[in-house]
């Protein structure tokens, strides 16, 4: 189930409800939020997503700092084209079963 990211399917309901988007920074657990610095606060201004830049570029590096760096980069560089690219790359990863 995890290999093909099927455990993410229930999140589609959150997208339909408007609580999440398809692409955006993944929500952090509360214990990670306590590690936020002032530079990380823009992350709280965007709707969280099911997939994001971190998931398609650095999934094998689960560090907080790498994820935060990529989330902030996504926020500052956001474009519809970038979202489309992330969705295509996510679909490829799901079809290859490269999830962990």
PDB file of N, CA and C in Angstrom:
ATOM      1  N   UNK A   1       0.821  -1.187   0.000  1.00  0.00           N
ATOM      2  CA  UNK A   1       0.000   0.000   0.000  1.00  0.00           C
ATOM      3  C   UNK A   1       0.876   1.266   0.000  1.00  0.00           C
ATOM      4  N   UNK A   2       1.885   1.304   0.851  1.00  0.00           N
ATOM      5  CA  UNK A   2       2.765   2.468   0.926  1.00  0.00           C
ATOM      6  C   UNK A   2       3.612   2.604  -0.337  1.00  0.00           C
ATOM      7  N   UNK A   3       4.039   1.461  -0.881  1.00  0.00           N
ATOM      8  CA  UNK A   3       4.906   1.486  -2.062  1.00  0.00           C
ATOM      9  C   UNK A   3       4.289   2.298  -3.196  1.00  0.00           C
ATOM     10  N   UNK A   4       2.994   2.148  -3.408  1.00  0.00           N
ATOM     11  CA  UNK A   4       2.301   2.875  -4.473  1.00  0.00           C
ATOM     12  C   UNK A   4       1.549   4.108  -3.954  1.00  0.00           C
ATOM     13  N   UNK A   5       1.834   4.514  -2.732  1.00  0.00           N
ATOM     14  CA  UNK A   5       1.246   5.699  -2.102  1.00  0.00           C
ATOM     15  C   UNK A   5      -0.275   5.640  -2.013  1.00  0.00           C
ATOM     16  N   UNK A   6      -0.820   4.446  -1.965  1.00  0.00           N
ATOM     17  CA  UNK A   6      -2.274   4.302  -1.844  1.00  0.00           C
ATOM     18  C   UNK A   6      -2.789   4.830  -0.516  1.00  0.00           C
ATOM     19  N   UNK A   7      -1.912   4.908   0.477  1.00  0.00           N
ATOM     20  CA  UNK A   7      -2.310   5.446   1.779  1.00  0.00           C
ATOM     21  C   UNK A   7      -2.616   6.941   1.704  1.00  0.00           C
ATOM     22  N   UNK A   8      -2.274   7.580   0.581  1.00  0.00           N
ATOM     23  CA  UNK A   8      -2.558   9.009   0.397  1.00  0.00           C
ATOM     24  C   UNK A   8      -3.946   9.268  -0.195  1.00  0.00           C
ATOM     25  N   UNK A   9      -4.603   8.247  -0.703  1.00  0.00           N
ATOM     26  CA  UNK A   9      -5.899   8.445  -1.353  1.00  0.00           C
ATOM     27  C   UNK A   9      -6.939   9.150  -0.476  1.00  0.00           C
ATOM     28  N   UNK A  10      -7.024   8.850   0.814  1.00  0.00           N
ATOM     29  CA  UNK A  10      -8.001   9.575   1.643  1.00  0.00           C
ATOM     30  C   UNK A  10      -7.772  11.089   1.667  1.00  0.00           C
ATOM     31  N   UNK A  11      -6.539  11.530   1.384  1.00  0.00           N
ATOM     32  CA  UNK A  11      -6.258  12.968   1.363  1.00  0.00           C
ATOM     33  C   UNK A  11      -7.014  13.671   0.242  1.00  0.00           C
ATOM     34  N   UNK A  12      -7.420  12.932  -0.781  1.00  0.00           N
ATOM     35  CA  UNK A  12      -8.190  13.555  -1.866  1.00  0.00           C
ATOM     36  C   UNK A  12      -9.485  14.169  -1.328  1.00  0.00           C
ATOM     37  N   UNK A  13     -10.039  13.571  -0.295  1.00  0.00           N
ATOM     38  CA  UNK A  13     -11.252  14.133   0.319  1.00  0.00           C
ATOM     39  C   UNK A  13     -10.948  15.515   0.899  1.00  0.00           C
ATOM     40  N   UNK A  14      -9.768  15.675   1.486  1.00  0.00           N
ATOM     41  CA  UNK A  14      -9.371  16.984   2.020  1.00  0.00           C
ATOM     42  C   UNK A  14      -9.219  18.011   0.906  1.00  0.00           C
ATOM     43  N   UNK A  15      -8.794  17.578  -0.286  1.00  0.00           N
ATOM     44  CA  UNK A  15      -8.704  18.476  -1.437  1.00  0.00           C
ATOM     45  C   UNK A  15     -10.102  18.915  -1.849  1.00  0.00           C
ATOM     46  N   UNK A  16     -11.022  17.970  -1.928  1.00  0.00           N
ATOM     47  CA  UNK A  16     -12.408  18.285  -2.301  1.00  0.00           C
ATOM     48  C   UNK A  16     -13.016  19.272  -1.302  1.00  0.00           C
ATOM     49  N   UNK A  17     -12.731  19.106  -0.017  1.00  0.00           N
ATOM     50  CA  UNK A  17     -13.258  20.002   1.024  1.00  0.00           C
ATOM     51  C   UNK A  17     -12.565  21.363   1.028  1.00  0.00           C
ATOM     52  N   UNK A  18     -11.461  21.495   0.291  1.00  0.00           N
ATOM     53  CA  UNK A  18     -10.741  22.763   0.248  1.00  0.00           C
ATOM     54  C   UNK A  18      -9.741  22.946   1.372  1.00  0.00           C
ATOM     55  N   UNK A  19      -9.476  21.900   2.144  1.00  0.00           N
ATOM     56  CA  UNK A  19      -8.521  21.988   3.243  1.00  0.00           C
ATOM     57  C   UNK A  19      -7.088  21.749   2.794  1.00  0.00           C
ATOM     58  N   UNK A  20      -6.936  21.117   1.631  1.00  0.00           N
ATOM     59  CA  UNK A  20      -5.618  20.845   1.068  1.00  0.00           C
ATOM     60  C   UNK A  20      -5.684  21.109  -0.427  1.00  0.00           C
ATOM     61  N   UNK A  21      -4.504  21.227  -1.033  1.00  0.00           N
ATOM     62  CA  UNK A  21      -4.426  21.303  -2.492  1.00  0.00           C
ATOM     63  C   UNK A  21      -3.699  20.051  -2.978  1.00  0.00           C
ATOM     64  N   UNK A  22      -3.678  19.859  -4.275  1.00  0.00           N
ATOM     65  CA  UNK A  22      -2.952  18.715  -4.814  1.00  0.00           C
ATOM     66  C   UNK A  22      -1.448  18.903  -4.609  1.00  0.00           C
ATOM     67  N   UNK A  23      -0.956  20.134  -4.817  1.00  0.00           N
ATOM     68  CA  UNK A  23       0.472  20.418  -4.703  1.00  0.00           C
ATOM     69  C   UNK A  23       0.676  21.531  -3.679  1.00  0.00           C
ATOM     70  N   UNK A  24       1.661  21.341  -2.819  1.00  0.00           N
ATOM     71  CA  UNK A  24       2.000  22.333  -1.809  1.00  0.00           C
ATOM     72  C   UNK A  24       2.831  21.671  -0.735  1.00  0.00           C
ATOM     73  N   UNK A  25       3.334  22.417   0.207  1.00  0.00           N
ATOM     74  CA  UNK A  25       4.107  21.812   1.296  1.00  0.00           C
ATOM     75  C   UNK A  25       3.246  20.839   2.099  1.00  0.00           C
ATOM     76  N   UNK A  26       3.806  19.702   2.429  1.00  0.00           N
ATOM     77  CA  UNK A  26       3.086  18.729   3.258  1.00  0.00           C
ATOM     78  C   UNK A  26       2.921  19.288   4.668  1.00  0.00           C
ATOM     79  N   UNK A  27       1.810  18.989   5.322  1.00  0.00           N
ATOM     80  CA  UNK A  27       1.648  19.442   6.715  1.00  0.00           C
ATOM     81  C   UNK A  27       2.705  18.789   7.612  1.00  0.00           C
ATOM     82  N   UNK A  28       3.198  19.549   8.564  1.00  0.00           N
ATOM     83  CA  UNK A  28       4.160  19.020   9.532  1.00  0.00           C
ATOM     84  C   UNK A  28       3.442  18.563  10.790  1.00  0.00           C
ATOM     85  N   UNK A  29       3.979  17.546  11.459  1.00  0.00           N
ATOM     86  CA  UNK A  29       3.464  17.197  12.790  1.00  0.00           C
ATOM     87  C   UNK A  29       3.746  18.348  13.761  1.00  0.00           C
ATOM     88  N   UNK A  30       2.982  18.432  14.812  1.00  0.00           N
ATOM     89  CA  UNK A  30       3.131  19.536  15.766  1.00  0.00           C
ATOM     90  C   UNK A  30       4.532  19.633  16.362  1.00  0.00           C
ATOM     91  N   UNK A  31       5.185  18.497  16.591  1.00  0.00           N
ATOM     92  CA  UNK A  31       6.530  18.579  17.175  1.00  0.00           C
ATOM     93  C   UNK A  31       7.532  19.202  16.198  1.00  0.00           C
ATOM     94  N   UNK A  32       7.298  19.105  14.888  1.00  0.00           N
ATOM     95  CA  UNK A  32       8.161  19.788  13.920  1.00  0.00           C
ATOM     96  C   UNK A  32       7.881  21.286  13.896  1.00  0.00           C
ATOM     97  N   UNK A  33       6.642  21.677  14.084  1.00  0.00           N
ATOM     98  CA  UNK A  33       6.283  23.100  14.073  1.00  0.00           C
ATOM     99  C   UNK A  33       7.025  23.839  15.182  1.00  0.00           C
ATOM    100  N   UNK A  34       7.290  23.170  16.270  1.00  0.00           N
ATOM    101  CA  UNK A  34       8.015  23.818  17.366  1.00  0.00           C
ATOM    102  C   UNK A  34       9.457  24.160  16.974  1.00  0.00           C
ATOM    103  N   UNK A  35       9.964  23.554  15.904  1.00  0.00           N
ATOM    104  CA  UNK A  35      11.330  23.836  15.440  1.00  0.00           C
ATOM    105  C   UNK A  35      11.377  24.962  14.412  1.00  0.00           C
ATOM    106  N   UNK A  36      10.231  25.547  14.051  1.00  0.00           N
ATOM    107  CA  UNK A  36      10.194  26.627  13.062  1.00  0.00           C
ATOM    108  C   UNK A  36      10.955  27.850  13.568  1.00  0.00           C
ATOM    109  N   UNK A  37      11.611  28.512  12.632  1.00  0.00           N
ATOM    110  CA  UNK A  37      12.230  29.803  12.904  1.00  0.00           C
ATOM    111  C   UNK A  37      11.459  30.850  12.100  1.00  0.00           C
ATOM    112  N   UNK A  38      11.838  32.090  12.216  1.00  0.00           N
ATOM    113  CA  UNK A  38      11.148  33.176  11.516  1.00  0.00           C
ATOM    114  C   UNK A  38      11.176  32.954   9.998  1.00  0.00           C
ATOM    115  N   UNK A  39      12.248  32.371   9.484  1.00  0.00           N
ATOM    116  CA  UNK A  39      12.368  32.119   8.043  1.00  0.00           C
ATOM    117  C   UNK A  39      11.370  31.066   7.558  1.00  0.00           C
ATOM    118  N   UNK A  40      10.890  30.230   8.459  1.00  0.00           N
ATOM    119  CA  UNK A  40       9.972  29.153   8.101  1.00  0.00           C
ATOM    120  C   UNK A  40       8.505  29.579   8.092  1.00  0.00           C
ATOM    121  N   UNK A  41       8.199  30.733   8.638  1.00  0.00           N
ATOM    122  CA  UNK A  41       6.803  31.140   8.796  1.00  0.00           C
ATOM    123  C   UNK A  41       6.015  31.273   7.491  1.00  0.00           C
ATOM    124  N   UNK A  42       6.635  31.633   6.350  1.00  0.00           N
ATOM    125  CA  UNK A  42       5.840  31.681   5.107  1.00  0.00           C
ATOM    126  C   UNK A  42       5.172  30.346   4.772  1.00  0.00           C
ATOM    127  N   UNK A  43       5.704  29.286   5.284  1.00  0.00           N
ATOM    128  CA  UNK A  43       5.128  27.960   5.051  1.00  0.00           C
ATOM    129  C   UNK A  43       3.709  27.856   5.612  1.00  0.00           C
ATOM    130  N   UNK A  44       3.444  28.627   6.643  1.00  0.00           N
ATOM    131  CA  UNK A  44       2.124  28.584   7.270  1.00  0.00           C
ATOM    132  C   UNK A  44       1.089  29.407   6.502  1.00  0.00           C
ATOM    133  N   UNK A  45       1.523  30.189   5.521  1.00  0.00           N
ATOM    134  CA  UNK A  45       0.621  31.044   4.748  1.00  0.00           C
ATOM    135  C   UNK A  45       0.026  30.356   3.526  1.00  0.00           C
ATOM    136  N   UNK A  46       0.458  29.146   3.228  1.00  0.00           N
ATOM    137  CA  UNK A  46      -0.022  28.452   2.031  1.00  0.00           C
ATOM    138  C   UNK A  46      -0.829  27.212   2.421  1.00  0.00           C
ATOM    139  N   UNK A  47      -1.713  26.834   1.526  1.00  0.00           N
ATOM    140  CA  UNK A  47      -2.522  25.630   1.746  1.00  0.00           C
ATOM    141  C   UNK A  47      -1.611  24.410   1.593  1.00  0.00           C
ATOM    142  N   UNK A  48      -1.645  23.480   2.528  1.00  0.00           N
ATOM    143  CA  UNK A  48      -0.814  22.286   2.403  1.00  0.00           C
ATOM    144  C   UNK A  48      -1.264  21.430   1.224  1.00  0.00           C
ATOM    145  N   UNK A  49      -0.348  20.622   0.727  1.00  0.00           N
ATOM    146  CA  UNK A  49      -0.652  19.791  -0.427  1.00  0.00           C
ATOM    147  C   UNK A  49      -0.408  18.319  -0.179  1.00  0.00           C
ATOM    148  N   UNK A  50      -0.948  17.500  -1.073  1.00  0.00           N
ATOM    149  CA  UNK A  50      -0.738  16.052  -1.004  1.00  0.00           C
ATOM    150  C   UNK A  50       0.679  15.710  -1.443  1.00  0.00           C
ATOM    151  N   UNK A  51       1.171  16.412  -2.453  1.00  0.00           N
ATOM    152  CA  UNK A  51       2.535  16.214  -2.925  1.00  0.00           C
ATOM    153  C   UNK A  51       3.200  17.573  -3.048  1.00  0.00           C
ATOM    154  N   UNK A  52       4.503  17.561  -3.116  1.00  0.00           N
ATOM    155  CA  UNK A  52       5.219  18.828  -3.206  1.00  0.00           C
ATOM    156  C   UNK A  52       6.606  18.656  -3.778  1.00  0.00           C
ATOM    157  N   UNK A  53       7.348  19.731  -3.788  1.00  0.00           N
ATOM    158  CA  UNK A  53       8.688  19.732  -4.352  1.00  0.00           C
ATOM    159  C   UNK A  53       9.594  18.736  -3.629  1.00  0.00           C
ATOM    160  N   UNK A  54       9.498  18.676  -2.327  1.00  0.00           N
ATOM    161  CA  UNK A  54      10.330  17.733  -1.560  1.00  0.00           C
ATOM    162  C   UNK A  54      10.052  16.296  -1.982  1.00  0.00           C
ATOM    163  N   UNK A  55       8.779  15.948  -2.174  1.00  0.00           N
ATOM    164  CA  UNK A  55       8.413  14.576  -2.505  1.00  0.00           C
ATOM    165  C   UNK A  55       8.985  14.123  -3.848  1.00  0.00           C
ATOM    166  N   UNK A  56       9.189  15.051  -4.771  1.00  0.00           N
ATOM    167  CA  UNK A  56       9.675  14.650  -6.092  1.00  0.00           C
ATOM    168  C   UNK A  56      11.161  14.913  -6.296  1.00  0.00           C
ATOM    169  N   UNK A  57      11.816  15.587  -5.356  1.00  0.00           N
ATOM    170  CA  UNK A  57      13.241  15.865  -5.544  1.00  0.00           C
ATOM    171  C   UNK A  57      14.130  15.275  -4.458  1.00  0.00           C
ATOM    172  N   UNK A  58      13.641  15.133  -3.262  1.00  0.00           N
ATOM    173  CA  UNK A  58      14.526  14.704  -2.162  1.00  0.00           C
ATOM    174  C   UNK A  58      13.829  13.726  -1.228  1.00  0.00           C
ATOM    175  N   UNK A  59      12.974  12.875  -1.744  1.00  0.00           N
ATOM    176  CA  UNK A  59      12.212  11.962  -0.895  1.00  0.00           C
ATOM    177  C   UNK A  59      13.123  11.055  -0.062  1.00  0.00           C
ATOM    178  N   UNK A  60      14.311  10.771  -0.582  1.00  0.00           N
ATOM    179  CA  UNK A  60      15.228   9.897   0.143  1.00  0.00           C
ATOM    180  C   UNK A  60      15.981  10.634   1.254  1.00  0.00           C
ATOM    181  N   UNK A  61      15.800  11.955   1.333  1.00  0.00           N
ATOM    182  CA  UNK A  61      16.432  12.757   2.389  1.00  0.00           C
ATOM    183  C   UNK A  61      15.330  13.329   3.273  1.00  0.00           C
ATOM    184  N   UNK A  62      14.959  12.602   4.329  1.00  0.00           N
ATOM    185  CA  UNK A  62      13.824  13.026   5.147  1.00  0.00           C
ATOM    186  C   UNK A  62      14.142  14.116   6.179  1.00  0.00           C
ATOM    187  N   UNK A  63      15.296  14.761   6.067  1.00  0.00           N
ATOM    188  CA  UNK A  63      15.666  15.726   7.096  1.00  0.00           C
ATOM    189  C   UNK A  63      14.723  16.935   7.102  1.00  0.00           C
ATOM    190  N   UNK A  64      14.497  17.453   8.270  1.00  0.00           N
ATOM    191  CA  UNK A  64      13.650  18.628   8.449  1.00  0.00           C
ATOM    192  C   UNK A  64      14.179  19.799   7.638  1.00  0.00           C
ATOM    193  N   UNK A  65      15.486  20.016   7.698  1.00  0.00           N
ATOM    194  CA  UNK A  65      16.088  21.162   7.014  1.00  0.00           C
ATOM    195  C   UNK A  65      15.934  21.078   5.497  1.00  0.00           C
ATOM    196  N   UNK A  66      16.137  19.889   4.920  1.00  0.00           N
ATOM    197  CA  UNK A  66      15.977  19.739   3.468  1.00  0.00           C
ATOM    198  C   UNK A  66      14.536  19.980   3.066  1.00  0.00           C
ATOM    199  N   UNK A  67      13.615  19.380   3.792  1.00  0.00           N
ATOM    200  CA  UNK A  67      12.200  19.571   3.493  1.00  0.00           C
ATOM    201  C   UNK A  67      11.786  21.028   3.599  1.00  0.00           C
ATOM    202  N   UNK A  68      12.239  21.701   4.633  1.00  0.00           N
ATOM    203  CA  UNK A  68      11.888  23.100   4.831  1.00  0.00           C
ATOM    204  C   UNK A  68      12.473  23.971   3.720  1.00  0.00           C
ATOM    205  N   UNK A  69      13.725  23.704   3.350  1.00  0.00           N
ATOM    206  CA  UNK A  69      14.374  24.464   2.279  1.00  0.00           C
ATOM    207  C   UNK A  69      13.577  24.326   0.972  1.00  0.00           C
ATOM    208  N   UNK A  70      13.172  23.119   0.645  1.00  0.00           N
ATOM    209  CA  UNK A  70      12.417  22.894  -0.586  1.00  0.00           C
ATOM    210  C   UNK A  70      11.012  23.491  -0.510  1.00  0.00           C
ATOM    211  N   UNK A  71      10.382  23.440   0.654  1.00  0.00           N
ATOM    212  CA  UNK A  71       9.052  24.048   0.814  1.00  0.00           C
ATOM    213  C   UNK A  71       9.121  25.562   0.614  1.00  0.00           C
ATOM    214  N   UNK A  72      10.115  26.199   1.206  1.00  0.00           N
ATOM    215  CA  UNK A  72      10.270  27.653   1.057  1.00  0.00           C
ATOM    216  C   UNK A  72      10.599  27.995  -0.396  1.00  0.00           C
ATOM    217  N   UNK A  73      11.433  27.185  -1.032  1.00  0.00           N
ATOM    218  CA  UNK A  73      11.732  27.396  -2.458  1.00  0.00           C
ATOM    219  C   UNK A  73      10.456  27.305  -3.291  1.00  0.00           C
ATOM    220  N   UNK A  74       9.635  26.309  -3.013  1.00  0.00           N
ATOM    221  CA  UNK A  74       8.368  26.151  -3.732  1.00  0.00           C
ATOM    222  C   UNK A  74       7.486  27.389  -3.553  1.00  0.00           C
ATOM    223  N   UNK A  75       7.370  27.872  -2.337  1.00  0.00           N
ATOM    224  CA  UNK A  75       6.525  29.036  -2.051  1.00  0.00           C
ATOM    225  C   UNK A  75       7.004  30.254  -2.832  1.00  0.00           C
ATOM    226  N   UNK A  76       8.304  30.474  -2.865  1.00  0.00           N
ATOM    227  CA  UNK A  76       8.849  31.657  -3.540  1.00  0.00           C
ATOM    228  C   UNK A  76       8.848  31.544  -5.063  1.00  0.00           C
ATOM    229  N   UNK A  77       8.926  30.321  -5.580  1.00  0.00           N
ATOM    230  CA  UNK A  77       8.998  30.131  -7.033  1.00  0.00           C
ATOM    231  C   UNK A  77       7.691  29.609  -7.634  1.00  0.00           C
ATOM    232  N   UNK A  78       6.615  29.547  -6.862  1.00  0.00           N
ATOM    233  CA  UNK A  78       5.380  28.918  -7.313  1.00  0.00           C
ATOM    234  C   UNK A  78       4.941  29.411  -8.688  1.00  0.00           C
ATOM    235  N   UNK A  79       4.488  28.460  -9.487  1.00  0.00           N
ATOM    236  CA  UNK A  79       3.852  28.765 -10.762  1.00  0.00           C
ATOM    237  C   UNK A  79       2.967  27.573 -11.121  1.00  0.00           C
ATOM    238  N   UNK A  80       2.017  27.807 -11.990  1.00  0.00           N
ATOM    239  CA  UNK A  80       1.157  26.729 -12.450  1.00  0.00           C
ATOM    240  C   UNK A  80       1.986  25.667 -13.171  1.00  0.00           C
ATOM    241  N   UNK A  81       2.973  26.121 -13.899  1.00  0.00           N
ATOM    242  CA  UNK A  81       3.861  25.191 -14.602  1.00  0.00           C
ATOM    243  C   UNK A  81       4.603  24.293 -13.614  1.00  0.00           C
ATOM    244  N   UNK A  82       5.080  24.886 -12.512  1.00  0.00           N
ATOM    245  CA  UNK A  82       5.782  24.096 -11.496  1.00  0.00           C
ATOM    246  C   UNK A  82       4.838  23.056 -10.887  1.00  0.00           C
ATOM    247  N   UNK A  83       3.603  23.460 -10.577  1.00  0.00           N
ATOM    248  CA  UNK A  83       2.630  22.512 -10.029  1.00  0.00           C
ATOM    249  C   UNK A  83       2.389  21.358 -11.004  1.00  0.00           C
ATOM    250  N   UNK A  84       2.230  21.685 -12.281  1.00  0.00           N
ATOM    251  CA  UNK A  84       1.998  20.656 -13.283  1.00  0.00           C
ATOM    252  C   UNK A  84       3.187  19.694 -13.351  1.00  0.00           C
ATOM    253  N   UNK A  85       4.401  20.235 -13.315  1.00  0.00           N
ATOM    254  CA  UNK A  85       5.606  19.409 -13.338  1.00  0.00           C
ATOM    255  C   UNK A  85       5.662  18.491 -12.118  1.00  0.00           C
ATOM    256  N   UNK A  86       5.357  19.022 -10.950  1.00  0.00           N
ATOM    257  CA  UNK A  86       5.366  18.210  -9.725  1.00  0.00           C
ATOM    258  C   UNK A  86       4.321  17.105  -9.808  1.00  0.00           C
ATOM    259  N   UNK A  87       3.136  17.423 -10.329  1.00  0.00           N
ATOM    260  CA  UNK A  87       2.097  16.398 -10.470  1.00  0.00           C
ATOM    261  C   UNK A  87       2.533  15.288 -11.425  1.00  0.00           C
ATOM    262  N   UNK A  88       3.157  15.652 -12.532  1.00  0.00           N
ATOM    263  CA  UNK A  88       3.631  14.636 -13.480  1.00  0.00           C
ATOM    264  C   UNK A  88       4.717  13.760 -12.859  1.00  0.00           C
ATOM    265  N   UNK A  89       5.637  14.385 -12.154  1.00  0.00           N
ATOM    266  CA  UNK A  89       6.711  13.623 -11.508  1.00  0.00           C
ATOM    267  C   UNK A  89       6.163  12.731 -10.395  1.00  0.00           C
ATOM    268  N   UNK A  90       5.146  13.212  -9.694  1.00  0.00           N
ATOM    269  CA  UNK A  90       4.514  12.401  -8.653  1.00  0.00           C
ATOM    270  C   UNK A  90       3.832  11.192  -9.276  1.00  0.00           C
ATOM    271  N   UNK A  91       3.107  11.414 -10.376  1.00  0.00           N
ATOM    272  CA  UNK A  91       2.430  10.304 -11.055  1.00  0.00           C
ATOM    273  C   UNK A  91       3.446   9.256 -11.492  1.00  0.00           C
ATOM    274  N   UNK A  92       4.581   9.696 -12.022  1.00  0.00           N
ATOM    275  CA  UNK A  92       5.619   8.766 -12.421  1.00  0.00           C
ATOM    276  C   UNK A  92       6.141   7.943 -11.248  1.00  0.00           C
ATOM    277  N   UNK A  93       6.361   8.608 -10.126  1.00  0.00           N
ATOM    278  CA  UNK A  93       6.851   7.905  -8.930  1.00  0.00           C
ATOM    279  C   UNK A  93       5.826   6.897  -8.427  1.00  0.00           C
ATOM    280  N   UNK A  94       4.554   7.264  -8.468  1.00  0.00           N
ATOM    281  CA  UNK A  94       3.499   6.353  -8.008  1.00  0.00           C
ATOM    282  C   UNK A  94       3.416   5.140  -8.938  1.00  0.00           C
ATOM    283  N   UNK A  95       3.443   5.380 -10.233  1.00  0.00           N
ATOM    284  CA  UNK A  95       3.352   4.275 -11.199  1.00  0.00           C
ATOM    285  C   UNK A  95       4.561   3.351 -11.132  1.00  0.00           C
ATOM    286  N   UNK A  96       5.730   3.897 -10.823  1.00  0.00           N
ATOM    287  CA  UNK A  96       6.933   3.058 -10.666  1.00  0.00           C
ATOM    288  C   UNK A  96       6.928   2.328  -9.319  1.00  0.00           C
ATOM    289  N   UNK A  97       6.084   2.778  -8.405  1.00  0.00           N
ATOM    290  CA  UNK A  97       6.057   2.150  -7.079  1.00  0.00           C
ATOM    291  C   UNK A  97       7.307   2.465  -6.283  1.00  0.00           C
ATOM    292  N   UNK A  98       7.792   3.701  -6.416  1.00  0.00           N
ATOM    293  CA  UNK A  98       9.023   4.067  -5.721  1.00  0.00           C
ATOM    294  C   UNK A  98       8.774   4.657  -4.338  1.00  0.00           C
ATOM    295  N   UNK A  99       7.549   4.601  -3.849  1.00  0.00           N
ATOM    296  CA  UNK A  99       7.248   5.093  -2.503  1.00  0.00           C
ATOM    297  C   UNK A  99       7.828   4.177  -1.447  1.00  0.00           C
ATOM    298  N   UNK A 100       7.970   4.718  -0.256  1.00  0.00           N
ATOM    299  CA  UNK A 100       8.512   3.912   0.847  1.00  0.00           C
ATOM    300  C   UNK A 100       7.610   3.986   2.033  1.00  0.00           C
TER     301      UNK A 100
END
